[in-house]
Amino acid sequence: MKLLAYALAFVASIAATEIATAQTYPSRPIRLVVTGSPGQGTDILARVVAQKLADRLKQQVIVDNEAGAGGNIGADAVAKAAPDGYTILMATNATHAANSAIYP
C-alpha cells in the first residue's frame, strides 16, 4: 500500500511540474509573413488582420513582407520556420493554387 502511495505521489509531482512549466500561447511576438510587397492589397489586409490579432491575443504581431517569385519566397520561409505557431502566412490564391501548376 505504501508503494502505491509513493507511486501516486511521484506521478502527481511530475504532473504538477509539467503544468507549472507550461507556457500559454503566445508568449512572444508572432511573425505574419506576407507574400506581397508593402502597400499591395494583401499587405494592407494583413496589417488589419495583424492589429485585430494582436488586440485579441494581447501579443505583438509583426508583419514581414517577403515578396518575390510569385509568393514562393514568403511561403518557403514559413514552410521552413519552426512549427510552433509563431510564424504564420498571409498568402493569396496564387501562392496556393496557381504556383503549384506554374513552378516545379
PDB file of N, CA and C in Angstrom:
ATOM      1  N   MET A   1       0.818  -1.181   0.000  1.00  0.00           N
ATOM      2  CA  MET A   1       0.000   0.000   0.000  1.00  0.00           C
ATOM      3  C   MET A   1       0.870   1.256   0.000  1.00  0.00           C
ATOM      4  N   LYS A   2       1.973   1.207   0.789  1.00  0.00           N
ATOM      5  CA  LYS A   2       2.871   2.365   0.815  1.00  0.00           C
ATOM      6  C   LYS A   2       3.497   2.599  -0.556  1.00  0.00           C
ATOM      7  N   LEU A   3       3.829   1.506  -1.229  1.00  0.00           N
ATOM      8  CA  LEU A   3       4.426   1.627  -2.546  1.00  0.00           C
ATOM      9  C   LEU A   3       3.472   2.325  -3.513  1.00  0.00           C
ATOM     10  N   LEU A   4       2.203   1.977  -3.453  1.00  0.00           N
ATOM     11  CA  LEU A   4       1.199   2.611  -4.293  1.00  0.00           C
ATOM     12  C   LEU A   4       1.075   4.102  -3.968  1.00  0.00           C
ATOM     13  N   ALA A   5       1.112   4.444  -2.704  1.00  0.00           N
ATOM     14  CA  ALA A   5       1.034   5.843  -2.290  1.00  0.00           C
ATOM     15  C   ALA A   5       2.237   6.628  -2.789  1.00  0.00           C
ATOM     16  N   TYR A   6       3.428   6.027  -2.689  1.00  0.00           N
ATOM     17  CA  TYR A   6       4.633   6.688  -3.190  1.00  0.00           C
ATOM     18  C   TYR A   6       4.574   6.872  -4.716  1.00  0.00           C
ATOM     19  N   ALA A   7       4.089   5.851  -5.408  1.00  0.00           N
ATOM     20  CA  ALA A   7       3.978   5.935  -6.865  1.00  0.00           C
ATOM     21  C   ALA A   7       3.008   7.036  -7.278  1.00  0.00           C
ATOM     22  N   LEU A   8       1.882   7.118  -6.599  1.00  0.00           N
ATOM     23  CA  LEU A   8       0.904   8.172  -6.903  1.00  0.00           C
ATOM     24  C   LEU A   8       1.468   9.553  -6.600  1.00  0.00           C
ATOM     25  N   ALA A   9       2.194   9.680  -5.515  1.00  0.00           N
ATOM     26  CA  ALA A   9       2.814  10.964  -5.172  1.00  0.00           C
ATOM     27  C   ALA A   9       3.851  11.358  -6.221  1.00  0.00           C
ATOM     28  N   PHE A  10       4.614  10.381  -6.683  1.00  0.00           N
ATOM     29  CA  PHE A  10       5.618  10.641  -7.714  1.00  0.00           C
ATOM     30  C   PHE A  10       4.966  11.117  -9.007  1.00  0.00           C
ATOM     31  N   VAL A  11       3.924  10.419  -9.445  1.00  0.00           N
ATOM     32  CA  VAL A  11       3.210  10.795 -10.670  1.00  0.00           C
ATOM     33  C   VAL A  11       2.583  12.184 -10.518  1.00  0.00           C
ATOM     34  N   ALA A  12       2.009  12.458  -9.376  1.00  0.00           N
ATOM     35  CA  ALA A  12       1.395  13.771  -9.139  1.00  0.00           C
ATOM     36  C   ALA A  12       2.440  14.883  -9.171  1.00  0.00           C
ATOM     37  N   SER A  13       3.618  14.616  -8.625  1.00  0.00           N
ATOM     38  CA  SER A  13       4.667  15.649  -8.634  1.00  0.00           C
ATOM     39  C   SER A  13       5.159  15.926 -10.044  1.00  0.00           C
ATOM     40  N   ILE A  14       5.258  14.893 -10.882  1.00  0.00           N
ATOM     41  CA  ILE A  14       5.658  15.087 -12.279  1.00  0.00           C
ATOM     42  C   ILE A  14       4.592  15.890 -13.018  1.00  0.00           C
ATOM     43  N   ALA A  15       3.334  15.549 -12.814  1.00  0.00           N
ATOM     44  CA  ALA A  15       2.242  16.277 -13.469  1.00  0.00           C
ATOM     45  C   ALA A  15       2.216  17.733 -13.027  1.00  0.00           C
ATOM     46  N   ALA A  16       2.429  17.996 -11.755  1.00  0.00           N
ATOM     47  CA  ALA A  16       2.438  19.367 -11.255  1.00  0.00           C
ATOM     48  C   ALA A  16       3.594  20.156 -11.845  1.00  0.00           C
ATOM     49  N   THR A  17       4.736  19.516 -12.017  1.00  0.00           N
ATOM     50  CA  THR A  17       5.890  20.185 -12.617  1.00  0.00           C
ATOM     51  C   THR A  17       5.611  20.538 -14.073  1.00  0.00           C
ATOM     52  N   GLU A  18       5.007  19.618 -14.804  1.00  0.00           N
ATOM     53  CA  GLU A  18       4.682  19.878 -16.206  1.00  0.00           C
ATOM     54  C   GLU A  18       3.694  21.033 -16.329  1.00  0.00           C
ATOM     55  N   ILE A  19       2.708  21.093 -15.468  1.00  0.00           N
ATOM     56  CA  ILE A  19       1.724  22.175 -15.501  1.00  0.00           C
ATOM     57  C   ILE A  19       2.389  23.497 -15.158  1.00  0.00           C
ATOM     58  N   ALA A  20       3.277  23.497 -14.186  1.00  0.00           N
ATOM     59  CA  ALA A  20       3.932  24.730 -13.759  1.00  0.00           C
ATOM     60  C   ALA A  20       4.853  25.278 -14.837  1.00  0.00           C
ATOM     61  N   THR A  21       5.482  24.405 -15.631  1.00  0.00           N
ATOM     62  CA  THR A  21       6.412  24.878 -16.653  1.00  0.00           C
ATOM     63  C   THR A  21       5.740  25.144 -17.995  1.00  0.00           C
ATOM     64  N   ALA A  22       4.480  24.789 -18.149  1.00  0.00           N
ATOM     65  CA  ALA A  22       3.784  25.026 -19.412  1.00  0.00           C
ATOM     66  C   ALA A  22       3.588  26.517 -19.631  1.00  0.00           C
ATOM     67  N   GLN A  23       3.798  26.945 -20.879  1.00  0.00           N
ATOM     68  CA  GLN A  23       3.611  28.348 -21.224  1.00  0.00           C
ATOM     69  C   GLN A  23       2.290  28.517 -21.963  1.00  0.00           C
ATOM     70  N   THR A  24       1.718  29.686 -21.806  1.00  0.00           N
ATOM     71  CA  THR A  24       0.497  29.968 -22.544  1.00  0.00           C
ATOM     72  C   THR A  24       0.886  30.566 -23.887  1.00  0.00           C
ATOM     73  N   TYR A  25       0.116  30.252 -24.895  1.00  0.00           N
ATOM     74  CA  TYR A  25       0.360  30.784 -26.240  1.00  0.00           C
ATOM     75  C   TYR A  25      -0.431  32.058 -26.400  1.00  0.00           C
ATOM     76  N   PRO A  26       0.135  33.075 -26.949  1.00  0.00           N
ATOM     77  CA  PRO A  26       1.517  33.288 -27.329  1.00  0.00           C
ATOM     78  C   PRO A  26       2.308  33.935 -26.206  1.00  0.00           C
ATOM     79  N   SER A  27       3.527  33.527 -26.061  1.00  0.00           N
ATOM     80  CA  SER A  27       4.389  34.092 -25.027  1.00  0.00           C
ATOM     81  C   SER A  27       5.458  35.010 -25.621  1.00  0.00           C
ATOM     82  N   ARG A  28       5.443  35.166 -26.941  1.00  0.00           N
ATOM     83  CA  ARG A  28       6.370  36.073 -27.619  1.00  0.00           C
ATOM     84  C   ARG A  28       5.695  36.576 -28.904  1.00  0.00           C
ATOM     85  N   PRO A  29       6.274  37.576 -29.566  1.00  0.00           N
ATOM     86  CA  PRO A  29       5.642  38.123 -30.775  1.00  0.00           C
ATOM     87  C   PRO A  29       5.447  37.073 -31.872  1.00  0.00           C
ATOM     88  N   ILE A  30       4.412  37.281 -32.653  1.00  0.00           N
ATOM     89  CA  ILE A  30       4.068  36.401 -33.761  1.00  0.00           C
ATOM     90  C   ILE A  30       4.506  37.087 -35.051  1.00  0.00           C
ATOM     91  N   ARG A  31       5.062  36.334 -35.962  1.00  0.00           N
ATOM     92  CA  ARG A  31       5.511  36.861 -37.263  1.00  0.00           C
ATOM     93  C   ARG A  31       4.493  36.479 -38.323  1.00  0.00           C
ATOM     94  N   LEU A  32       3.894  37.483 -38.956  1.00  0.00           N
ATOM     95  CA  LEU A  32       2.930  37.274 -40.037  1.00  0.00           C
ATOM     96  C   LEU A  32       3.642  37.594 -41.344  1.00  0.00           C
ATOM     97  N   VAL A  33       3.957  36.568 -42.117  1.00  0.00           N
ATOM     98  CA  VAL A  33       4.671  36.735 -43.377  1.00  0.00           C
ATOM     99  C   VAL A  33       3.650  36.989 -44.480  1.00  0.00           C
ATOM    100  N   VAL A  34       3.890  38.069 -45.236  1.00  0.00           N
ATOM    101  CA  VAL A  34       3.018  38.453 -46.352  1.00  0.00           C
ATOM    102  C   VAL A  34       3.788  38.198 -47.642  1.00  0.00           C
ATOM    103  N   THR A  35       3.132  37.577 -48.619  1.00  0.00           N
ATOM    104  CA  THR A  35       3.807  37.220 -49.868  1.00  0.00           C
ATOM    105  C   THR A  35       3.801  38.350 -50.887  1.00  0.00           C
ATOM    106  N   GLY A  36       3.351  39.529 -50.506  1.00  0.00           N
ATOM    107  CA  GLY A  36       3.335  40.671 -51.412  1.00  0.00           C
ATOM    108  C   GLY A  36       4.183  41.810 -50.891  1.00  0.00           C
ATOM    109  N   SER A  37       4.345  42.817 -51.728  1.00  0.00           N
ATOM    110  CA  SER A  37       5.125  43.999 -51.366  1.00  0.00           C
ATOM    111  C   SER A  37       4.324  44.926 -50.465  1.00  0.00           C
ATOM    112  N   PRO A  38       5.015  45.781 -49.707  1.00  0.00           N
ATOM    113  CA  PRO A  38       4.301  46.759 -48.874  1.00  0.00           C
ATOM    114  C   PRO A  38       3.410  47.658 -49.734  1.00  0.00           C
ATOM    115  N   GLY A  39       2.206  47.867 -49.264  1.00  0.00           N
ATOM    116  CA  GLY A  39       1.262  48.729 -49.969  1.00  0.00           C
ATOM    117  C   GLY A  39       0.306  47.992 -50.880  1.00  0.00           C
ATOM    118  N   GLN A  40       0.588  46.753 -51.210  1.00  0.00           N
ATOM    119  CA  GLN A  40      -0.329  45.979 -52.040  1.00  0.00           C
ATOM    120  C   GLN A  40      -1.540  45.557 -51.217  1.00  0.00           C
ATOM    121  N   GLY A  41      -2.554  45.079 -51.890  1.00  0.00           N
ATOM    122  CA  GLY A  41      -3.790  44.702 -51.213  1.00  0.00           C
ATOM    123  C   GLY A  41      -3.603  43.672 -50.126  1.00  0.00           C
ATOM    124  N   THR A  42      -2.787  42.660 -50.399  1.00  0.00           N
ATOM    125  CA  THR A  42      -2.542  41.614 -49.405  1.00  0.00           C
ATOM    126  C   THR A  42      -1.851  42.190 -48.172  1.00  0.00           C
ATOM    127  N   ASP A  43      -0.923  43.127 -48.389  1.00  0.00           N
ATOM    128  CA  ASP A  43      -0.212  43.751 -47.277  1.00  0.00           C
ATOM    129  C   ASP A  43      -1.165  44.587 -46.425  1.00  0.00           C
ATOM    130  N   ILE A  44      -2.025  45.348 -47.065  1.00  0.00           N
ATOM    131  CA  ILE A  44      -2.985  46.176 -46.320  1.00  0.00           C
ATOM    132  C   ILE A  44      -3.913  45.308 -45.494  1.00  0.00           C
ATOM    133  N   LEU A  45      -4.432  44.252 -46.100  1.00  0.00           N
ATOM    134  CA  LEU A  45      -5.303  43.327 -45.375  1.00  0.00           C
ATOM    135  C   LEU A  45      -4.557  42.655 -44.228  1.00  0.00           C
ATOM    136  N   ALA A  46      -3.299  42.275 -44.462  1.00  0.00           N
ATOM    137  CA  ALA A  46      -2.504  41.619 -43.425  1.00  0.00           C
ATOM    138  C   ALA A  46      -2.297  42.546 -42.233  1.00  0.00           C
ATOM    139  N   ARG A  47      -2.112  43.826 -42.480  1.00  0.00           N
ATOM    140  CA  ARG A  47      -1.912  44.773 -41.379  1.00  0.00           C
ATOM    141  C   ARG A  47      -3.174  44.957 -40.545  1.00  0.00           C
ATOM    142  N   VAL A  48      -4.326  44.914 -41.196  1.00  0.00           N
ATOM    143  CA  VAL A  48      -5.596  44.975 -40.452  1.00  0.00           C
ATOM    144  C   VAL A  48      -5.764  43.712 -39.617  1.00  0.00           C
ATOM    145  N   VAL A  49      -5.499  42.556 -40.222  1.00  0.00           N
ATOM    146  CA  VAL A  49      -5.604  41.280 -39.514  1.00  0.00           C
ATOM    147  C   VAL A  49      -4.603  41.233 -38.353  1.00  0.00           C
ATOM    148  N   ALA A  50      -3.392  41.703 -38.588  1.00  0.00           N
ATOM    149  CA  ALA A  50      -2.362  41.694 -37.540  1.00  0.00           C
ATOM    150  C   ALA A  50      -2.792  42.536 -36.344  1.00  0.00           C
ATOM    151  N   GLN A  51      -3.377  43.698 -36.603  1.00  0.00           N
ATOM    152  CA  GLN A  51      -3.815  44.552 -35.498  1.00  0.00           C
ATOM    153  C   GLN A  51      -4.930  43.891 -34.690  1.00  0.00           C
ATOM    154  N   LYS A  52      -5.897  43.316 -35.381  1.00  0.00           N
ATOM    155  CA  LYS A  52      -7.000  42.628 -34.686  1.00  0.00           C
ATOM    156  C   LYS A  52      -6.483  41.412 -33.914  1.00  0.00           C
ATOM    157  N   LEU A  53      -5.563  40.679 -34.511  1.00  0.00           N
ATOM    158  CA  LEU A  53      -4.993  39.518 -33.850  1.00  0.00           C
ATOM    159  C   LEU A  53      -4.197  39.923 -32.617  1.00  0.00           C
ATOM    160  N   ALA A  54      -3.433  40.998 -32.732  1.00  0.00           N
ATOM    161  CA  ALA A  54      -2.652  41.493 -31.594  1.00  0.00           C
ATOM    162  C   ALA A  54      -3.569  41.933 -30.458  1.00  0.00           C
ATOM    163  N   ASP A  55      -4.651  42.603 -30.802  1.00  0.00           N
ATOM    164  CA  ASP A  55      -5.610  43.035 -29.781  1.00  0.00           C
ATOM    165  C   ASP A  55      -6.235  41.838 -29.073  1.00  0.00           C
ATOM    166  N   ARG A  56      -6.568  40.826 -29.827  1.00  0.00           N
ATOM    167  CA  ARG A  56      -7.238  39.652 -29.249  1.00  0.00           C
ATOM    168  C   ARG A  56      -6.286  38.787 -28.435  1.00  0.00           C
ATOM    169  N   LEU A  57      -5.060  38.583 -28.931  1.00  0.00           N
ATOM    170  CA  LEU A  57      -4.102  37.712 -28.247  1.00  0.00           C
ATOM    171  C   LEU A  57      -3.275  38.430 -27.193  1.00  0.00           C
ATOM    172  N   LYS A  58      -3.356  39.751 -27.173  1.00  0.00           N
ATOM    173  CA  LYS A  58      -2.555  40.561 -26.234  1.00  0.00           C
ATOM    174  C   LYS A  58      -1.057  40.303 -26.444  1.00  0.00           C
ATOM    175  N   GLN A  59      -0.680  40.218 -27.719  1.00  0.00           N
ATOM    176  CA  GLN A  59       0.715  39.983 -28.074  1.00  0.00           C
ATOM    177  C   GLN A  59       0.996  40.686 -29.401  1.00  0.00           C
ATOM    178  N   GLN A  60       2.203  41.151 -29.577  1.00  0.00           N
ATOM    179  CA  GLN A  60       2.591  41.849 -30.788  1.00  0.00           C
ATOM    180  C   GLN A  60       2.586  40.901 -31.981  1.00  0.00           C
ATOM    181  N   VAL A  61       2.075  41.387 -33.131  1.00  0.00           N
ATOM    182  CA  VAL A  61       2.111  40.640 -34.380  1.00  0.00           C
ATOM    183  C   VAL A  61       2.900  41.489 -35.372  1.00  0.00           C
ATOM    184  N   ILE A  62       4.012  40.962 -35.838  1.00  0.00           N
ATOM    185  CA  ILE A  62       4.905  41.682 -36.740  1.00  0.00           C
ATOM    186  C   ILE A  62       4.617  41.264 -38.172  1.00  0.00           C
ATOM    187  N   VAL A  63       4.321  42.246 -39.033  1.00  0.00           N
ATOM    188  CA  VAL A  63       4.083  41.975 -40.449  1.00  0.00           C
ATOM    189  C   VAL A  63       5.430  42.004 -41.155  1.00  0.00           C
ATOM    190  N   ASP A  64       5.764  40.904 -41.831  1.00  0.00           N
ATOM    191  CA  ASP A  64       7.045  40.749 -42.512  1.00  0.00           C
ATOM    192  C   ASP A  64       6.782  40.470 -43.988  1.00  0.00           C
ATOM    193  N   ASN A  65       7.068  41.448 -44.847  1.00  0.00           N
ATOM    194  CA  ASN A  65       6.854  41.278 -46.284  1.00  0.00           C
ATOM    195  C   ASN A  65       8.009  40.504 -46.901  1.00  0.00           C
ATOM    196  N   GLU A  66       7.691  39.362 -47.497  1.00  0.00           N
ATOM    197  CA  GLU A  66       8.667  38.506 -48.181  1.00  0.00           C
ATOM    198  C   GLU A  66       8.164  38.305 -49.608  1.00  0.00           C
ATOM    199  N   ALA A  67       8.279  39.361 -50.413  1.00  0.00           N
ATOM    200  CA  ALA A  67       7.756  39.323 -51.774  1.00  0.00           C
ATOM    201  C   ALA A  67       8.760  38.692 -52.731  1.00  0.00           C
ATOM    202  N   GLY A  68       8.248  38.199 -53.838  1.00  0.00           N
ATOM    203  CA  GLY A  68       9.102  37.671 -54.901  1.00  0.00           C
ATOM    204  C   GLY A  68       8.736  36.264 -55.299  1.00  0.00           C
ATOM    205  N   ALA A  69       9.053  35.938 -56.536  1.00  0.00           N
ATOM    206  CA  ALA A  69       8.821  34.602 -57.101  1.00  0.00           C
ATOM    207  C   ALA A  69       7.366  34.178 -56.987  1.00  0.00           C
ATOM    208  N   GLY A  70       6.469  35.114 -57.188  1.00  0.00           N
ATOM    209  CA  GLY A  70       5.047  34.796 -57.147  1.00  0.00           C
ATOM    210  C   GLY A  70       4.546  34.376 -55.781  1.00  0.00           C
ATOM    211  N   GLY A  71       5.240  34.803 -54.737  1.00  0.00           N
ATOM    212  CA  GLY A  71       4.853  34.443 -53.380  1.00  0.00           C
ATOM    213  C   GLY A  71       5.590  33.241 -52.829  1.00  0.00           C
ATOM    214  N   ASN A  72       6.393  32.601 -53.660  1.00  0.00           N
ATOM    215  CA  ASN A  72       7.104  31.398 -53.222  1.00  0.00           C
ATOM    216  C   ASN A  72       8.169  31.677 -52.176  1.00  0.00           C
ATOM    217  N   ILE A  73       8.772  32.857 -52.194  1.00  0.00           N
ATOM    218  CA  ILE A  73       9.815  33.178 -51.217  1.00  0.00           C
ATOM    219  C   ILE A  73       9.214  33.232 -49.814  1.00  0.00           C
ATOM    220  N   GLY A  74       8.103  33.932 -49.661  1.00  0.00           N
ATOM    221  CA  GLY A  74       7.440  34.014 -48.359  1.00  0.00           C
ATOM    222  C   GLY A  74       6.893  32.672 -47.907  1.00  0.00           C
ATOM    223  N   ALA A  75       6.275  31.952 -48.827  1.00  0.00           N
ATOM    224  CA  ALA A  75       5.722  30.639 -48.481  1.00  0.00           C
ATOM    225  C   ALA A  75       6.828  29.676 -48.064  1.00  0.00           C
ATOM    226  N   ASP A  76       7.971  29.751 -48.737  1.00  0.00           N
ATOM    227  CA  ASP A  76       9.103  28.892 -48.396  1.00  0.00           C
ATOM    228  C   ASP A  76       9.647  29.238 -47.009  1.00  0.00           C
ATOM    229  N   ALA A  77       9.710  30.532 -46.704  1.00  0.00           N
ATOM    230  CA  ALA A  77      10.197  30.962 -45.382  1.00  0.00           C
ATOM    231  C   ALA A  77       9.315  30.412 -44.271  1.00  0.00           C
ATOM    232  N   VAL A  78       8.011  30.436 -44.483  1.00  0.00           N
ATOM    233  CA  VAL A  78       7.089  29.924 -43.467  1.00  0.00           C
ATOM    234  C   VAL A  78       7.168  28.402 -43.389  1.00  0.00           C
ATOM    235  N   ALA A  79       7.290  27.757 -44.529  1.00  0.00           N
ATOM    236  CA  ALA A  79       7.382  26.293 -44.535  1.00  0.00           C
ATOM    237  C   ALA A  79       8.622  25.802 -43.799  1.00  0.00           C
ATOM    238  N   LYS A  80       9.698  26.588 -43.829  1.00  0.00           N
ATOM    239  CA  LYS A  80      10.945  26.190 -43.174  1.00  0.00           C
ATOM    240  C   LYS A  80      11.054  26.700 -41.739  1.00  0.00           C
ATOM    241  N   ALA A  81      10.080  27.483 -41.288  1.00  0.00           N
ATOM    242  CA  ALA A  81      10.094  28.001 -39.918  1.00  0.00           C
ATOM    243  C   ALA A  81       9.755  26.884 -38.938  1.00  0.00           C
ATOM    244  N   ALA A  82      10.114  27.100 -37.692  1.00  0.00           N
ATOM    245  CA  ALA A  82       9.782  26.125 -36.649  1.00  0.00           C
ATOM    246  C   ALA A  82       8.261  25.973 -36.556  1.00  0.00           C
ATOM    247  N   PRO A  83       7.767  24.751 -36.439  1.00  0.00           N
ATOM    248  CA  PRO A  83       6.318  24.526 -36.386  1.00  0.00           C
ATOM    249  C   PRO A  83       5.734  24.799 -34.992  1.00  0.00           C
ATOM    250  N   ASP A  84       5.924  26.025 -34.510  1.00  0.00           N
ATOM    251  CA  ASP A  84       5.485  26.359 -33.164  1.00  0.00           C
ATOM    252  C   ASP A  84       4.321  27.349 -33.124  1.00  0.00           C
ATOM    253  N   GLY A  85       3.827  27.763 -34.283  1.00  0.00           N
ATOM    254  CA  GLY A  85       2.689  28.681 -34.325  1.00  0.00           C
ATOM    255  C   GLY A  85       3.067  30.143 -34.219  1.00  0.00           C
ATOM    256  N   TYR A  86       4.339  30.456 -34.211  1.00  0.00           N
ATOM    257  CA  TYR A  86       4.770  31.846 -34.110  1.00  0.00           C
ATOM    258  C   TYR A  86       5.114  32.455 -35.462  1.00  0.00           C
ATOM    259  N   THR A  87       5.063  31.685 -36.516  1.00  0.00           N
ATOM    260  CA  THR A  87       5.247  32.185 -37.877  1.00  0.00           C
ATOM    261  C   THR A  87       4.050  31.712 -38.686  1.00  0.00           C
ATOM    262  N   ILE A  88       3.266  32.690 -39.183  1.00  0.00           N
ATOM    263  CA  ILE A  88       2.076  32.342 -39.958  1.00  0.00           C
ATOM    264  C   ILE A  88       2.142  33.049 -41.307  1.00  0.00           C
ATOM    265  N   LEU A  89       1.375  32.578 -42.260  1.00  0.00           N
ATOM    266  CA  LEU A  89       1.452  33.056 -43.640  1.00  0.00           C
ATOM    267  C   LEU A  89       0.152  33.737 -44.047  1.00  0.00           C
ATOM    268  N   MET A  90       0.297  34.912 -44.655  1.00  0.00           N
ATOM    269  CA  MET A  90      -0.823  35.608 -45.294  1.00  0.00           C
ATOM    270  C   MET A  90      -0.546  35.512 -46.785  1.00  0.00           C
ATOM    271  N   ALA A  91      -1.234  34.620 -47.444  1.00  0.00           N
ATOM    272  CA  ALA A  91      -0.952  34.342 -48.838  1.00  0.00           C
ATOM    273  C   ALA A  91      -2.176  34.639 -49.704  1.00  0.00           C
ATOM    274  N   THR A  92      -2.009  34.438 -50.987  1.00  0.00           N
ATOM    275  CA  THR A  92      -3.104  34.630 -51.937  1.00  0.00           C
ATOM    276  C   THR A  92      -3.380  33.311 -52.644  1.00  0.00           C
ATOM    277  N   ASN A  93      -4.360  33.329 -53.518  1.00  0.00           N
ATOM    278  CA  ASN A  93      -4.658  32.107 -54.269  1.00  0.00           C
ATOM    279  C   ASN A  93      -3.496  31.727 -55.186  1.00  0.00           C
ATOM    280  N   ALA A  94      -2.680  32.701 -55.583  1.00  0.00           N
ATOM    281  CA  ALA A  94      -1.517  32.383 -56.426  1.00  0.00           C
ATOM    282  C   ALA A  94      -0.536  31.499 -55.673  1.00  0.00           C
ATOM    283  N   THR A  95      -0.309  31.806 -54.429  1.00  0.00           N
ATOM    284  CA  THR A  95       0.661  31.044 -53.640  1.00  0.00           C
ATOM    285  C   THR A  95       0.239  29.589 -53.464  1.00  0.00           C
ATOM    286  N   HIS A  96      -1.041  29.363 -53.320  1.00  0.00           N
ATOM    287  CA  HIS A  96      -1.504  28.014 -53.004  1.00  0.00           C
ATOM    288  C   HIS A  96      -2.177  27.284 -54.150  1.00  0.00           C
ATOM    289  N   ALA A  97      -2.616  27.998 -55.170  1.00  0.00           N
ATOM    290  CA  ALA A  97      -3.312  27.339 -56.283  1.00  0.00           C
ATOM    291  C   ALA A  97      -2.507  27.404 -57.574  1.00  0.00           C
ATOM    292  N   ALA A  98      -2.266  28.600 -58.053  1.00  0.00           N
ATOM    293  CA  ALA A  98      -1.618  28.757 -59.351  1.00  0.00           C
ATOM    294  C   ALA A  98      -0.144  28.340 -59.351  1.00  0.00           C
ATOM    295  N   ASN A  99       0.567  28.679 -58.278  1.00  0.00           N
ATOM    296  CA  ASN A  99       2.006  28.399 -58.267  1.00  0.00           C
ATOM    297  C   ASN A  99       2.343  26.916 -58.367  1.00  0.00           C
ATOM    298  N   SER A 100       1.479  26.080 -57.876  1.00  0.00           N
ATOM    299  CA  SER A 100       1.758  24.647 -57.948  1.00  0.00           C
ATOM    300  C   SER A 100       1.741  24.157 -59.397  1.00  0.00           C
ATOM    301  N   ALA A 101       1.026  24.867 -60.269  1.00  0.00           N
ATOM    302  CA  ALA A 101       0.991  24.494 -61.686  1.00  0.00           C
ATOM    303  C   ALA A 101       2.063  25.213 -62.491  1.00  0.00           C
ATOM    304  N   ILE A 102       2.522  26.353 -62.000  1.00  0.00           N
ATOM    305  CA  ILE A 102       3.482  27.165 -62.751  1.00  0.00           C
ATOM    306  C   ILE A 102       4.931  26.803 -62.425  1.00  0.00           C
ATOM    307  N   TYR A 103       5.222  26.623 -61.154  1.00  0.00           N
ATOM    308  CA  TYR A 103       6.600  26.387 -60.705  1.00  0.00           C
ATOM    309  C   TYR A 103       6.817  24.907 -60.404  1.00  0.00           C
ATOM    310  N   PRO A 104       8.050  24.430 -60.656  1.00  0.00           N
ATOM    311  CA  PRO A 104       8.318  22.998 -60.365  1.00  0.00           C
ATOM    312  C   PRO A 104       8.381  22.722 -58.877  1.00  0.00           C
TER     313      PRO A 104
END
